[in-house]
Amino acid sequence: MNVAEKISIFVFLLQGVHCREFSISLPEKIEALSGSCVIIKCRFEIQEKYDEELTESAATGLWLKDGTNLNNNVVFNSKNPAPNHFECEIIGKLHEKNCTTIFCNINSNHNGNYYFRIEGEGGLKWTYTTTLVSIGVIDSPPKPTVQLYVDQKKVKDQEEVLEVLEVFEGSSVSLRCSAETLCSSSPPTLTWSSTPRIPLSESSRREELISDLNFTATHRQHRVTFTCTITYQLQDQNKTAQDSITVHVQYSPKNTSVSVLPSSSVLEGSSVTLTCSSEANPAVNYTWSRESEGEMEQLKTGDTLTFDRIDLKHRGLYYCTAHNQHGTQNSSVMLDIQYAPQISTSSSCTRTDVTVCFCEADGNPSPELEWHLSGRPVTNSSNTFISEERLSSTGLRSSISLHQYLTNTSTLQCVSNNTHGNDEQLFHLVFITQNAPCKYKWFNINSLLVGVAAGTSFMAILWVTTRLYKCIFRTQSGDKAGLIQTDGADSVDIRGEPFYVNKVMMSSAEAPILNHPEPLHYSTINFTNTDPESNNIRGISSLTTEYAVVRYFGQNIEDSEAKIRTFPSIPHGEAIYQVPHKAAAKAKLVQT
């Protein structure tokens, strides 16, 4: 019942209390759905003197359309219906002054203004010409009305959600859909839908055509349109009407992300742009920062960060912070700068008995390292050993150990490469060639120098000793025995090589006596590996043998025959010769 109907009834009652006259209560306007029915709520009053004539059996109700002429405008008579009359029924009780009427099978012919007439026994006949009801026929049902409630507070329209009440994520929201009841063979229904579709919790009160939709506001409901639909089931078809509302929810940043163009892996020297995006209401502000030495370095504001020419100093972890009045959210991306390999200047070699070289390279993607010896690739073998060590995600260290003997100067090369380029470094190596027997594999340049120094020192000492000996011998008296160097070979050894002995220098008074120790001493010096022609000592000290053997022979001349003994303890089977007394006597006879 609308406000106008309530006022009419109130006025009608007041009239009946003070002075009962003919009066009626009708709605001013009714919308009727084509194909359905329409209900006209109606109550009337008559003068008191006609009360006895308004009996249940005699009371008759008539409806006139677009006029009050009984011959032309009657469209319904409750006692005497005619073929051209509307299909209608007075469902109120006329003797109780209730003229509520239902018109069925509404069509466009029902459009118009309607007047009510009451008749009874005797003189009760009255047409209410001053009050009428207007019926308008519609093809679609009237729209339902959707209202928004936030935390049980009614909101007039959705603008207030944004500006007045501010629906935060987590608030309790209720949507109420209501619709007028129209006459139909079956009652209408209310249904909810949403775009995008989300699960709904619905409660309905069909007798009042009210349906409530309740949910907790989240960012998923922001800008979601909710639709309430009323459906009428008519005889030949269903007719529907709907109303919609779009919910606005304020919330903190969600789904913040960073995209990189062309990609997060970019070649050194290229241009790159970082773009930040986030979902929020109200819109967010963006701040860029970079982690540097454990601290956040602020860079700029705005949704993009651009590097026109990127280099290695720009690599690192970048953060985008999206913030509004309801909160903040971060997103990060690692900017990976790719570059060609670079070999470290600290790469070098160390040489002992084994030459070890190492090579360090840095590049992105991580480079590969190869070794080339005299232009040829080197792999692990019995003479070389190669190992690698990962220094970082972009750094690699490789070492090579060289055991092989080379016959000339060799060039060792470290080669590093990745998908963006290569780098190389040369190492110049000089190896000493030696053809010594296997037992002299330890021979090297240091041994050679030591040998030369030792041989030179020995020859100098020998020369000084010889000169000093000659000087002393020449100053001795005639009764002293002396030694002089012979001019020729005294004999030959078992190999046919000559050796020399000293002649005996004695006075006549001290002639040699048999079986008596003689004052003559013999000395033999042998130089192994001596060049017979040049008398130069070859090799080094460790390969040169110096020794002297002194033997003394006195008695038993017969047993003092020249003997040759070989001492197995002397290296390389060299012979040690002993000069017997007999050889000395022979030297003396030759002199005399």
Foldseek 3Di string as FASTA:
>chain_A
DDPQQVVQVVVQVVCCVPFFAWDKGWDAEDEAEAQFKAKIWMFITHHPVCLVFLDQVFKKKWKFWPDDDPVPTTQDIAVDHDPNHFPKDQPDRVNVRTRMMMTGNDDQVQFGKMWMWIDGPDPRTDTPPVDIYGYHYDHFFDEKDKWKAWLNHTDPAQVCCVVPVAAAQFIKIKIKTFGDWHGGPDTKAKDKAKVVGDDWDKDADRVRRMMMTIDGDDLVLAQMKMKMKIWGDGDPDIHMHMDIGRHHHFYWWDPKEKAKPPHLEEEAFAKMKIFIDTDGPPFWKKWKWFQDPNDTGTDGIDGMDIDHGHHPVPFGKMKIWTGDPHGIDIYIDTRHYFYKKDKDPPWDWDDDLKIKTKIKIFTPQAKDKWKAKQRHTDDDDPQKDKDKDAPDNGMIMMMMIGRDADDAKMKMKMKIGDPHGIDMDIDTDGGDDDDDPPVVPVDDPVQQVQFVVVVVVVVVVVVVVVVVLVVVQVPDDQQDKHWDWDPDFLDADPVRHGDTWTAIRHDPVCDADAQAWDPDKTKDWDWPCADVVPRDHDGGNVVIDIDMDIDGEGHDVVVQDFDWDFDVVDPPRDTDGDDGPVSNVVSHVVVD
